[in-house]
Amino acid sequence: MLHARGLLAMMSIVGPTALHDAVAQGYPARPIRVITAEPGGGNDFAARTIGQAIAPRLGQQWVVDNRGGAGGMIAAEIAAKAAPDGYTLLVYASNIWIIPLLRRDINYSMAAFAPITWVARAPNILVVHPSLPVASVPELIEFARAQPGKLNAGTGGQAGPGHLALELLRSMAGVDIVHVPFKGGAAATTALLGEQIDIVIDGSAMGQVKAGKLRAIAVTGPRLPALPDVPGIGETVKGYEFTNWWGILAPAGTPSAVVDRVSRELSAIAELPDVRERLSELGLAARGSSPKVFTDLLRTVA
């Protein structure tokens, strides 16, 4: 791996375009560490699905490093402090730009990252335990209004996508539902299976829904092809929509040649039928993008 002084020396000899190509061709020379949140969640599922497809194309291992907790904040902080050499990447959901706005105890900002590409987008799923006498959004709202503060909703963490989707529902529907943050969506789903909470808003529960162990009563955006009979919350609460996305970022300062190489490979595998099918199992719609398109998205939402 070339250091900054070596890069400058080479640039003066071969020029920026040739250097860009040389760096891209030489990358990667060792396994790539991919940091994400807790095992079993949407971030983790996306990271591992992508890894299976991209590792052969890169000729190196794609090693997923799970760092759960604090709504994904721990994973983001670790990635932000990593060396900008292309050997540490971050798979993260859309709350990466929200957390710095809501919390003072964080040690990163969006300036700490170089956006690489979108990975997927999808709404969250509103899931209840079958023992709860609620089978639709109107029934949920009626129940919550009749018994304020009785329902407990688990999400993947404070200021995470599920939490934000819940707060939007609380505000727009005028209901008092208690938020219970977990280390991740998988942990919240486990708690729901054990009837420790009443609701989960997260995509991690998809497998349990398909197994018939939990009941999906709504999605937070447009209907999903994987759950065509499950309506969007917006079909009851007019104007409601919360769609989550996942993307891959590198530490700021990562060579543009590396960013471009990873972006090209990821955009290519996003079109592969088997990758699209696997992501759709969790309700995720695969998509790739250039670094510029992903950067523009972040600027728009932030």
C-alpha atoms as a PDB file:
ATOM      1  CA  MET A   1       0.000   0.000   0.000  1.00  0.00           C
ATOM      2  CA  LEU A   2       1.398   3.391  -1.000  1.00  0.00           C
ATOM      3  CA  HIS A   3       1.726   6.125   1.615  1.00  0.00           C
ATOM      4  CA  ALA A   4       0.886   9.783   0.880  1.00  0.00           C
ATOM      5  CA  ARG A   5       4.520  10.749   0.114  1.00  0.00           C
ATOM      6  CA  GLY A   6       4.869   7.857  -2.296  1.00  0.00           C
ATOM      7  CA  LEU A   7       1.610   8.755  -4.003  1.00  0.00           C
ATOM      8  CA  LEU A   8       2.763  12.326  -4.546  1.00  0.00           C
ATOM      9  CA  ALA A   9       6.079  11.170  -5.925  1.00  0.00           C
ATOM     10  CA  MET A  10       4.405   8.798  -8.360  1.00  0.00           C
ATOM     11  CA  MET A  11       1.893  11.454  -9.403  1.00  0.00           C
ATOM     12  CA  SER A  12       4.696  13.804 -10.397  1.00  0.00           C
ATOM     13  CA  ILE A  13       6.144  11.075 -12.632  1.00  0.00           C
ATOM     14  CA  VAL A  14       3.168   9.281 -14.197  1.00  0.00           C
ATOM     15  CA  GLY A  15       0.350  11.802 -13.830  1.00  0.00           C
ATOM     16  CA  PRO A  16      -2.949  11.556 -11.912  1.00  0.00           C
ATOM     17  CA  THR A  17      -4.857   9.420 -14.439  1.00  0.00           C
ATOM     18  CA  ALA A  18      -2.163   6.759 -14.707  1.00  0.00           C
ATOM     19  CA  LEU A  19      -1.729   6.755 -10.943  1.00  0.00           C
ATOM     20  CA  HIS A  20      -5.485   6.344 -10.449  1.00  0.00           C
ATOM     21  CA  ASP A  21      -5.441   3.298 -12.743  1.00  0.00           C
ATOM     22  CA  ALA A  22      -2.373   1.834 -11.057  1.00  0.00           C
ATOM     23  CA  VAL A  23      -3.897   2.124  -7.595  1.00  0.00           C
ATOM     24  CA  ALA A  24      -7.179   0.580  -8.785  1.00  0.00           C
ATOM     25  CA  GLN A  25      -5.394  -2.348 -10.424  1.00  0.00           C
ATOM     26  CA  GLY A  26      -3.335  -3.065  -7.320  1.00  0.00           C
ATOM     27  CA  TYR A  27      -6.330  -3.053  -4.985  1.00  0.00           C
ATOM     28  CA  PRO A  28      -7.108  -5.098  -2.998  1.00  0.00           C
ATOM     29  CA  ALA A  29      -3.917  -6.844  -1.927  1.00  0.00           C
ATOM     30  CA  ARG A  30      -5.321  -8.278   1.304  1.00  0.00           C
ATOM     31  CA  PRO A  31      -8.723  -9.056   2.922  1.00  0.00           C
ATOM     32  CA  ILE A  32     -11.192  -6.206   3.339  1.00  0.00           C
ATOM     33  CA  ARG A  33     -12.747  -5.596   6.745  1.00  0.00           C
ATOM     34  CA  VAL A  34     -16.406  -4.618   6.520  1.00  0.00           C
ATOM     35  CA  ILE A  35     -17.817  -3.142   9.711  1.00  0.00           C
ATOM     36  CA  THR A  36     -21.537  -3.304  10.352  1.00  0.00           C
ATOM     37  CA  ALA A  37     -23.990  -3.542  13.238  1.00  0.00           C
ATOM     38  CA  GLU A  38     -25.214  -6.581  15.153  1.00  0.00           C
ATOM     39  CA  PRO A  39     -25.539 -10.047  13.566  1.00  0.00           C
ATOM     40  CA  GLY A  40     -28.915 -10.858  12.067  1.00  0.00           C
ATOM     41  CA  GLY A  41     -29.987  -7.307  11.240  1.00  0.00           C
ATOM     42  CA  GLY A  42     -30.519  -5.660   7.874  1.00  0.00           C
ATOM     43  CA  ASN A  43     -27.015  -4.183   7.797  1.00  0.00           C
ATOM     44  CA  ASP A  44     -25.466  -7.572   8.535  1.00  0.00           C
ATOM     45  CA  PHE A  45     -27.636  -9.416   6.016  1.00  0.00           C
ATOM     46  CA  ALA A  46     -26.799  -6.907   3.287  1.00  0.00           C
ATOM     47  CA  ALA A  47     -23.076  -6.992   4.092  1.00  0.00           C
ATOM     48  CA  ARG A  48     -22.880 -10.795   3.992  1.00  0.00           C
ATOM     49  CA  THR A  49     -25.011 -11.155   0.863  1.00  0.00           C
ATOM     50  CA  ILE A  50     -22.845  -8.645  -0.971  1.00  0.00           C
ATOM     51  CA  GLY A  51     -19.680 -10.236   0.382  1.00  0.00           C
ATOM     52  CA  GLN A  52     -20.498 -13.626  -1.091  1.00  0.00           C
ATOM     53  CA  ALA A  53     -20.788 -12.069  -4.542  1.00  0.00           C
ATOM     54  CA  ILE A  54     -18.029  -9.486  -4.470  1.00  0.00           C
ATOM     55  CA  ALA A  55     -15.195 -11.479  -2.865  1.00  0.00           C
ATOM     56  CA  PRO A  56     -14.526 -13.574  -6.003  1.00  0.00           C
ATOM     57  CA  ARG A  57     -14.548 -10.432  -8.147  1.00  0.00           C
ATOM     58  CA  LEU A  58     -12.016  -8.684  -5.909  1.00  0.00           C
ATOM     59  CA  GLY A  59      -9.910 -11.782  -5.325  1.00  0.00           C
ATOM     60  CA  GLN A  60      -9.845 -11.184  -1.574  1.00  0.00           C
ATOM     61  CA  GLN A  61     -11.920 -12.064   1.457  1.00  0.00           C
ATOM     62  CA  TRP A  62     -14.761  -9.767   2.524  1.00  0.00           C
ATOM     63  CA  VAL A  63     -14.628 -10.099   6.314  1.00  0.00           C
ATOM     64  CA  VAL A  64     -17.740  -8.866   8.136  1.00  0.00           C
ATOM     65  CA  ASP A  65     -16.955  -7.370  11.552  1.00  0.00           C
ATOM     66  CA  ASN A  66     -20.134  -7.004  13.640  1.00  0.00           C
ATOM     67  CA  ARG A  67     -20.096  -4.118  16.120  1.00  0.00           C
ATOM     68  CA  GLY A  68     -23.599  -3.812  17.527  1.00  0.00           C
ATOM     69  CA  GLY A  69     -24.959  -1.257  19.972  1.00  0.00           C
ATOM     70  CA  ALA A  70     -26.150   2.332  20.201  1.00  0.00           C
ATOM     71  CA  GLY A  71     -28.258   2.117  17.047  1.00  0.00           C
ATOM     72  CA  GLY A  72     -25.167   1.413  14.941  1.00  0.00           C
ATOM     73  CA  MET A  73     -23.198   4.334  16.378  1.00  0.00           C
ATOM     74  CA  ILE A  74     -20.395   2.082  17.636  1.00  0.00           C
ATOM     75  CA  ALA A  75     -19.831   0.601  14.181  1.00  0.00           C
ATOM     76  CA  ALA A  76     -19.820   4.056  12.568  1.00  0.00           C
ATOM     77  CA  GLU A  77     -17.312   5.450  15.070  1.00  0.00           C
ATOM     78  CA  ILE A  78     -14.904   2.563  14.517  1.00  0.00           C
ATOM     79  CA  ALA A  79     -15.087   2.947  10.747  1.00  0.00           C
ATOM     80  CA  ALA A  80     -14.650   6.721  10.926  1.00  0.00           C
ATOM     81  CA  LYS A  81     -11.363   6.298  12.805  1.00  0.00           C
ATOM     82  CA  ALA A  82      -9.968   3.575  10.544  1.00  0.00           C
ATOM     83  CA  ALA A  83      -7.063   4.109   8.164  1.00  0.00           C
ATOM     84  CA  PRO A  84      -8.288   5.496   4.809  1.00  0.00           C
ATOM     85  CA  ASP A  85      -6.603   2.790   2.760  1.00  0.00           C
ATOM     86  CA  GLY A  86      -9.603   0.927   1.362  1.00  0.00           C
ATOM     87  CA  TYR A  87      -9.245  -2.019   3.714  1.00  0.00           C
ATOM     88  CA  THR A  88     -11.941  -0.889   6.133  1.00  0.00           C
ATOM     89  CA  LEU A  89     -15.457  -0.238   4.829  1.00  0.00           C
ATOM     90  CA  LEU A  90     -18.781   0.398   6.552  1.00  0.00           C
ATOM     91  CA  VAL A  91     -22.218  -0.983   5.680  1.00  0.00           C
ATOM     92  CA  TYR A  92     -24.796   1.277   7.275  1.00  0.00           C
ATOM     93  CA  ALA A  93     -28.439   2.252   7.114  1.00  0.00           C
ATOM     94  CA  SER A  94     -29.903   5.698   6.490  1.00  0.00           C
ATOM     95  CA  ASN A  95     -29.709   6.775  10.128  1.00  0.00           C
ATOM     96  CA  ILE A  96     -25.959   7.344   9.719  1.00  0.00           C
ATOM     97  CA  TRP A  97     -26.655  11.010   8.973  1.00  0.00           C
ATOM     98  CA  ILE A  98     -29.423  11.340  11.576  1.00  0.00           C
ATOM     99  CA  ILE A  99     -27.505  10.238  14.662  1.00  0.00           C
ATOM    100  CA  PRO A 100     -25.077  13.221  14.608  1.00  0.00           C
ATOM    101  CA  LEU A 101     -28.111  15.535  14.607  1.00  0.00           C
ATOM    102  CA  LEU A 102     -29.771  13.900  17.614  1.00  0.00           C
ATOM    103  CA  ARG A 103     -26.924  12.849  19.909  1.00  0.00           C
ATOM    104  CA  ARG A 104     -24.093  14.779  21.503  1.00  0.00           C
ATOM    105  CA  ASP A 105     -22.115  11.751  22.651  1.00  0.00           C
ATOM    106  CA  ILE A 106     -20.859  10.682  19.231  1.00  0.00           C
ATOM    107  CA  ASN A 107     -17.345  10.860  17.848  1.00  0.00           C
ATOM    108  CA  TYR A 108     -17.954  11.122  14.121  1.00  0.00           C
ATOM    109  CA  SER A 109     -19.594  13.375  11.552  1.00  0.00           C
ATOM    110  CA  MET A 110     -20.565  12.751   7.952  1.00  0.00           C
ATOM    111  CA  ALA A 111     -17.353  14.515   6.918  1.00  0.00           C
ATOM    112  CA  ALA A 112     -15.521  11.463   8.275  1.00  0.00           C
ATOM    113  CA  PHE A 113     -16.761   9.289   5.399  1.00  0.00           C
ATOM    114  CA  ALA A 114     -16.335   8.873   1.661  1.00  0.00           C
ATOM    115  CA  PRO A 115     -19.633   7.555   0.222  1.00  0.00           C
ATOM    116  CA  ILE A 116     -19.157   4.625  -2.177  1.00  0.00           C
ATOM    117  CA  THR A 117     -22.561   3.348  -3.276  1.00  0.00           C
ATOM    118  CA  TRP A 118     -26.133   2.577  -2.354  1.00  0.00           C
ATOM    119  CA  VAL A 119     -26.711  -1.092  -1.612  1.00  0.00           C
ATOM    120  CA  ALA A 120     -30.457  -1.429  -1.162  1.00  0.00           C
ATOM    121  CA  ARG A 121     -33.599   0.326  -0.030  1.00  0.00           C
ATOM    122  CA  ALA A 122     -36.749  -0.852   1.696  1.00  0.00           C
ATOM    123  CA  PRO A 123     -39.384   0.164   4.204  1.00  0.00           C
ATOM    124  CA  ASN A 124     -39.335  -1.236   7.715  1.00  0.00           C
ATOM    125  CA  ILE A 125     -41.922  -3.827   8.752  1.00  0.00           C
ATOM    126  CA  LEU A 126     -44.350  -3.305  11.635  1.00  0.00           C
ATOM    127  CA  VAL A 127     -44.683  -6.703  13.297  1.00  0.00           C
ATOM    128  CA  VAL A 128     -46.704  -7.884  16.301  1.00  0.00           C
ATOM    129  CA  HIS A 129     -46.874 -11.099  18.303  1.00  0.00           C
ATOM    130  CA  PRO A 130     -49.880 -13.265  17.294  1.00  0.00           C
ATOM    131  CA  SER A 131     -51.156 -13.058  20.869  1.00  0.00           C
ATOM    132  CA  LEU A 132     -51.770  -9.301  20.508  1.00  0.00           C
ATOM    133  CA  PRO A 133     -55.399  -8.722  19.453  1.00  0.00           C
ATOM    134  CA  VAL A 134     -54.361  -6.433  16.605  1.00  0.00           C
ATOM    135  CA  ALA A 135     -54.357  -7.409  12.932  1.00  0.00           C
ATOM    136  CA  SER A 136     -54.224  -4.066  11.125  1.00  0.00           C
ATOM    137  CA  VAL A 137     -53.017  -0.495  11.471  1.00  0.00           C
ATOM    138  CA  PRO A 138     -56.529   0.837  12.283  1.00  0.00           C
ATOM    139  CA  GLU A 139     -56.821  -1.769  15.048  1.00  0.00           C
ATOM    140  CA  LEU A 140     -53.367  -0.889  16.344  1.00  0.00           C
ATOM    141  CA  ILE A 141     -54.231   2.812  16.474  1.00  0.00           C
ATOM    142  CA  GLU A 142     -57.549   2.088  18.183  1.00  0.00           C
ATOM    143  CA  PHE A 143     -55.834  -0.145  20.759  1.00  0.00           C
ATOM    144  CA  ALA A 144     -53.076   2.409  21.437  1.00  0.00           C
ATOM    145  CA  ARG A 145     -55.534   5.271  21.853  1.00  0.00           C
ATOM    146  CA  ALA A 146     -57.737   3.238  24.208  1.00  0.00           C
ATOM    147  CA  GLN A 147     -54.772   2.202  26.357  1.00  0.00           C
ATOM    148  CA  PRO A 148     -52.108   4.936  26.159  1.00  0.00           C
ATOM    149  CA  GLY A 149     -48.617   3.803  27.092  1.00  0.00           C
ATOM    150  CA  LYS A 150     -49.539   0.116  27.267  1.00  0.00           C
ATOM    151  CA  LEU A 151     -47.927  -1.005  24.010  1.00  0.00           C
ATOM    152  CA  ASN A 152     -44.138  -1.410  23.913  1.00  0.00           C
ATOM    153  CA  ALA A 153     -42.405  -1.170  20.545  1.00  0.00           C
ATOM    154  CA  GLY A 154     -38.897  -2.556  20.102  1.00  0.00           C
ATOM    155  CA  THR A 155     -36.475  -1.174  17.515  1.00  0.00           C
ATOM    156  CA  GLY A 156     -32.836  -1.628  16.586  1.00  0.00           C
ATOM    157  CA  GLY A 157     -31.711   1.289  18.724  1.00  0.00           C
ATOM    158  CA  GLN A 158     -32.061   4.918  19.695  1.00  0.00           C
ATOM    159  CA  ALA A 159     -32.243   7.188  16.613  1.00  0.00           C
ATOM    160  CA  GLY A 160     -32.200   4.145  14.319  1.00  0.00           C
ATOM    161  CA  PRO A 161     -34.560   3.778  11.334  1.00  0.00           C
ATOM    162  CA  GLY A 162     -37.117   1.771  13.327  1.00  0.00           C
ATOM    163  CA  HIS A 163     -37.152   4.362  16.092  1.00  0.00           C
ATOM    164  CA  LEU A 164     -37.636   7.207  13.630  1.00  0.00           C
ATOM    165  CA  ALA A 165     -40.420   5.295  11.868  1.00  0.00           C
ATOM    166  CA  LEU A 166     -42.085   4.772  15.256  1.00  0.00           C
ATOM    167  CA  GLU A 167     -41.818   8.434  16.224  1.00  0.00           C
ATOM    168  CA  LEU A 168     -43.341   9.448  12.898  1.00  0.00           C
ATOM    169  CA  LEU A 169     -46.264   7.090  13.542  1.00  0.00           C
ATOM    170  CA  ARG A 170     -46.692   8.350  17.100  1.00  0.00           C
ATOM    171  CA  SER A 171     -46.793  11.929  15.850  1.00  0.00           C
ATOM    172  CA  MET A 172     -49.012  11.484  12.797  1.00  0.00           C
ATOM    173  CA  ALA A 173     -51.469   9.007  14.342  1.00  0.00           C
ATOM    174  CA  GLY A 174     -51.540  10.649  17.761  1.00  0.00           C
ATOM    175  CA  VAL A 175     -50.779   7.471  19.703  1.00  0.00           C
ATOM    176  CA  ASP A 176     -48.778   6.821  22.878  1.00  0.00           C
ATOM    177  CA  ILE A 177     -46.580   3.786  22.204  1.00  0.00           C
ATOM    178  CA  VAL A 178     -43.496   3.269  24.375  1.00  0.00           C
ATOM    179  CA  HIS A 179     -40.152   2.952  22.596  1.00  0.00           C
ATOM    180  CA  VAL A 180     -37.841   0.135  23.760  1.00  0.00           C
ATOM    181  CA  PRO A 181     -34.405   0.329  22.081  1.00  0.00           C
ATOM    182  CA  PHE A 182     -32.309  -2.817  21.586  1.00  0.00           C
ATOM    183  CA  LYS A 183     -28.763  -3.413  20.369  1.00  0.00           C
ATOM    184  CA  GLY A 184     -30.216  -4.261  16.982  1.00  0.00           C
ATOM    185  CA  GLY A 185     -33.300  -5.414  15.138  1.00  0.00           C
ATOM    186  CA  ALA A 186     -32.496  -9.096  15.655  1.00  0.00           C
ATOM    187  CA  ALA A 187     -32.427  -8.609  19.429  1.00  0.00           C
ATOM    188  CA  ALA A 188     -35.753  -6.776  19.296  1.00  0.00           C
ATOM    189  CA  THR A 189     -37.269  -9.611  17.260  1.00  0.00           C
ATOM    190  CA  THR A 190     -36.072 -12.164  19.814  1.00  0.00           C
ATOM    191  CA  ALA A 191     -37.723 -10.138  22.569  1.00  0.00           C
ATOM    192  CA  LEU A 192     -40.972 -10.039  20.594  1.00  0.00           C
ATOM    193  CA  LEU A 193     -40.908 -13.810  20.130  1.00  0.00           C
ATOM    194  CA  GLY A 194     -40.608 -14.089  23.919  1.00  0.00           C
ATOM    195  CA  GLU A 195     -43.540 -11.670  24.353  1.00  0.00           C
ATOM    196  CA  GLN A 196     -41.342  -9.243  26.281  1.00  0.00           C
ATOM    197  CA  ILE A 197     -42.577  -6.462  23.989  1.00  0.00           C
ATOM    198  CA  ASP A 198     -45.658  -6.051  21.785  1.00  0.00           C
ATOM    199  CA  ILE A 199     -44.352  -4.614  18.517  1.00  0.00           C
ATOM    200  CA  VAL A 200     -41.179  -4.521  16.447  1.00  0.00           C
ATOM    201  CA  ILE A 201     -40.489  -2.036  13.672  1.00  0.00           C
ATOM    202  CA  ASP A 202     -37.584  -3.497  11.723  1.00  0.00           C
ATOM    203  CA  GLY A 203     -36.853  -5.612   8.664  1.00  0.00           C
ATOM    204  CA  SER A 204     -35.061  -8.281  10.687  1.00  0.00           C
ATOM    205  CA  ALA A 205     -38.361  -9.949  11.573  1.00  0.00           C
ATOM    206  CA  MET A 206     -39.059 -11.011   7.969  1.00  0.00           C
ATOM    207  CA  GLY A 207     -37.908 -14.600   8.540  1.00  0.00           C
ATOM    208  CA  GLN A 208     -40.143 -15.014  11.580  1.00  0.00           C
ATOM    209  CA  VAL A 209     -43.075 -13.541   9.666  1.00  0.00           C
ATOM    210  CA  LYS A 210     -42.624 -16.029   6.834  1.00  0.00           C
ATOM    211  CA  ALA A 211     -42.352 -18.842   9.395  1.00  0.00           C
ATOM    212  CA  GLY A 212     -45.721 -17.799  10.843  1.00  0.00           C
ATOM    213  CA  LYS A 213     -44.293 -17.009  14.270  1.00  0.00           C
ATOM    214  CA  LEU A 214     -44.956 -13.265  14.033  1.00  0.00           C
ATOM    215  CA  ARG A 215     -47.614 -11.212  12.254  1.00  0.00           C
ATOM    216  CA  ALA A 216     -46.728  -8.366   9.883  1.00  0.00           C
ATOM    217  CA  ILE A 217     -49.529  -5.827   9.882  1.00  0.00           C
ATOM    218  CA  ALA A 218     -47.891  -3.024   7.895  1.00  0.00           C
ATOM    219  CA  VAL A 219     -44.794  -1.680   6.194  1.00  0.00           C
ATOM    220  CA  THR A 220     -43.520   1.860   6.645  1.00  0.00           C
ATOM    221  CA  GLY A 221     -43.414   2.600   2.909  1.00  0.00           C
ATOM    222  CA  PRO A 222     -44.910   1.188  -0.293  1.00  0.00           C
ATOM    223  CA  ARG A 223     -45.978  -2.458  -0.287  1.00  0.00           C
ATOM    224  CA  LEU A 224     -43.193  -5.006  -0.614  1.00  0.00           C
ATOM    225  CA  PRO A 225     -43.139  -7.671  -3.345  1.00  0.00           C
ATOM    226  CA  ALA A 226     -42.134 -10.128  -0.616  1.00  0.00           C
ATOM    227  CA  LEU A 227     -45.255  -9.198   1.407  1.00  0.00           C
ATOM    228  CA  PRO A 228     -47.811  -8.130  -1.209  1.00  0.00           C
ATOM    229  CA  ASP A 229     -50.795  -8.467   1.120  1.00  0.00           C
ATOM    230  CA  VAL A 230     -49.290  -6.295   3.873  1.00  0.00           C
ATOM    231  CA  PRO A 231     -50.381  -2.661   3.438  1.00  0.00           C
ATOM    232  CA  GLY A 232     -48.340   0.453   3.946  1.00  0.00           C
ATOM    233  CA  ILE A 233     -49.020   2.530   7.056  1.00  0.00           C
ATOM    234  CA  GLY A 234     -49.681   5.413   4.664  1.00  0.00           C
ATOM    235  CA  GLU A 235     -52.780   3.625   3.398  1.00  0.00           C
ATOM    236  CA  THR A 236     -54.318   4.359   6.809  1.00  0.00           C
ATOM    237  CA  VAL A 237     -52.324   7.351   8.057  1.00  0.00           C
ATOM    238  CA  LYS A 238     -52.337   9.613   5.029  1.00  0.00           C
ATOM    239  CA  GLY A 239     -48.953  11.085   4.162  1.00  0.00           C
ATOM    240  CA  TYR A 240     -47.005   8.604   6.264  1.00  0.00           C
ATOM    241  CA  GLU A 241     -43.902   7.104   4.643  1.00  0.00           C
ATOM    242  CA  PHE A 242     -40.520   6.107   5.992  1.00  0.00           C
ATOM    243  CA  THR A 243     -38.210   4.266   3.626  1.00  0.00           C
ATOM    244  CA  ASN A 244     -34.826   3.065   4.797  1.00  0.00           C
ATOM    245  CA  TRP A 245     -31.735   2.626   2.634  1.00  0.00           C
ATOM    246  CA  TRP A 246     -28.414   0.907   3.065  1.00  0.00           C
ATOM    247  CA  GLY A 247     -25.089   2.041   1.699  1.00  0.00           C
ATOM    248  CA  ILE A 248     -21.354   1.438   1.822  1.00  0.00           C
ATOM    249  CA  LEU A 249     -18.896   4.077   2.930  1.00  0.00           C
ATOM    250  CA  ALA A 250     -15.153   4.306   3.464  1.00  0.00           C
ATOM    251  CA  PRO A 251     -13.167   6.558   5.816  1.00  0.00           C
ATOM    252  CA  ALA A 252     -12.642  10.027   4.350  1.00  0.00           C
ATOM    253  CA  GLY A 253      -9.358  10.259   2.472  1.00  0.00           C
ATOM    254  CA  THR A 254      -9.623   6.800   0.931  1.00  0.00           C
ATOM    255  CA  PRO A 255      -8.050   7.014  -2.566  1.00  0.00           C
ATOM    256  CA  SER A 256     -10.636   7.821  -5.216  1.00  0.00           C
ATOM    257  CA  ALA A 257      -9.358   4.936  -7.325  1.00  0.00           C
ATOM    258  CA  VAL A 258     -10.285   2.508  -4.550  1.00  0.00           C
ATOM    259  CA  VAL A 259     -13.697   4.120  -4.036  1.00  0.00           C
ATOM    260  CA  ASP A 260     -14.399   3.944  -7.768  1.00  0.00           C
ATOM    261  CA  ARG A 261     -13.284   0.294  -7.996  1.00  0.00           C
ATOM    262  CA  VAL A 262     -15.491  -0.837  -5.121  1.00  0.00           C
ATOM    263  CA  SER A 263     -18.404   1.197  -6.447  1.00  0.00           C
ATOM    264  CA  ARG A 264     -18.148  -0.377  -9.908  1.00  0.00           C
ATOM    265  CA  GLU A 265     -18.015  -3.904  -8.516  1.00  0.00           C
ATOM    266  CA  LEU A 266     -20.912  -3.324  -6.128  1.00  0.00           C
ATOM    267  CA  SER A 267     -23.062  -1.750  -8.812  1.00  0.00           C
ATOM    268  CA  ALA A 268     -22.395  -4.763 -11.028  1.00  0.00           C
ATOM    269  CA  ILE A 269     -23.363  -7.353  -8.431  1.00  0.00           C
ATOM    270  CA  ALA A 270     -26.506  -5.374  -7.535  1.00  0.00           C
ATOM    271  CA  GLU A 271     -27.797  -6.455 -10.960  1.00  0.00           C
ATOM    272  CA  LEU A 272     -27.133 -10.166 -10.401  1.00  0.00           C
ATOM    273  CA  PRO A 273     -30.394 -12.157 -10.105  1.00  0.00           C
ATOM    274  CA  ASP A 274     -29.184 -14.259  -7.166  1.00  0.00           C
ATOM    275  CA  VAL A 275     -28.096 -11.179  -5.197  1.00  0.00           C
ATOM    276  CA  ARG A 276     -31.378  -9.412  -5.897  1.00  0.00           C
ATOM    277  CA  GLU A 277     -33.315 -12.519  -4.893  1.00  0.00           C
ATOM    278  CA  ARG A 278     -31.442 -12.980  -1.625  1.00  0.00           C
ATOM    279  CA  LEU A 279     -31.868  -9.339  -0.622  1.00  0.00           C
ATOM    280  CA  SER A 280     -35.550  -9.496  -1.507  1.00  0.00           C
ATOM    281  CA  GLU A 281     -35.952 -12.256   1.088  1.00  0.00           C
ATOM    282  CA  LEU A 282     -35.542  -9.524   3.705  1.00  0.00           C
ATOM    283  CA  GLY A 283     -37.656  -7.083   1.720  1.00  0.00           C
ATOM    284  CA  LEU A 284     -34.628  -5.204   0.369  1.00  0.00           C
ATOM    285  CA  ALA A 285     -34.545  -3.906  -3.195  1.00  0.00           C
ATOM    286  CA  ALA A 286     -30.964  -4.117  -4.473  1.00  0.00           C
ATOM    287  CA  ARG A 287     -29.465  -1.137  -6.202  1.00  0.00           C
ATOM    288  CA  GLY A 288     -26.056   0.282  -6.935  1.00  0.00           C
ATOM    289  CA  SER A 289     -24.878   3.789  -7.703  1.00  0.00           C
ATOM    290  CA  SER A 290     -21.832   5.883  -8.417  1.00  0.00           C
ATOM    291  CA  PRO A 291     -20.091   7.615  -5.490  1.00  0.00           C
ATOM    292  CA  LYS A 292     -21.468  10.935  -6.771  1.00  0.00           C
ATOM    293  CA  VAL A 293     -25.078   9.724  -6.803  1.00  0.00           C
ATOM    294  CA  PHE A 294     -24.715   8.360  -3.278  1.00  0.00           C
ATOM    295  CA  THR A 295     -23.018  11.570  -2.112  1.00  0.00           C
ATOM    296  CA  ASP A 296     -25.849  13.628  -3.608  1.00  0.00           C
ATOM    297  CA  LEU A 297     -28.376  11.452  -1.773  1.00  0.00           C
ATOM    298  CA  LEU A 298     -26.639  12.063   1.535  1.00  0.00           C
ATOM    299  CA  ARG A 299     -26.507  15.800   0.892  1.00  0.00           C
ATOM    300  CA  THR A 300     -30.201  15.826   0.010  1.00  0.00           C
ATOM    301  CA  VAL A 301     -31.396  14.018   3.117  1.00  0.00           C
ATOM    302  CA  ALA A 302     -28.908  15.673   5.439  1.00  0.00           C
END
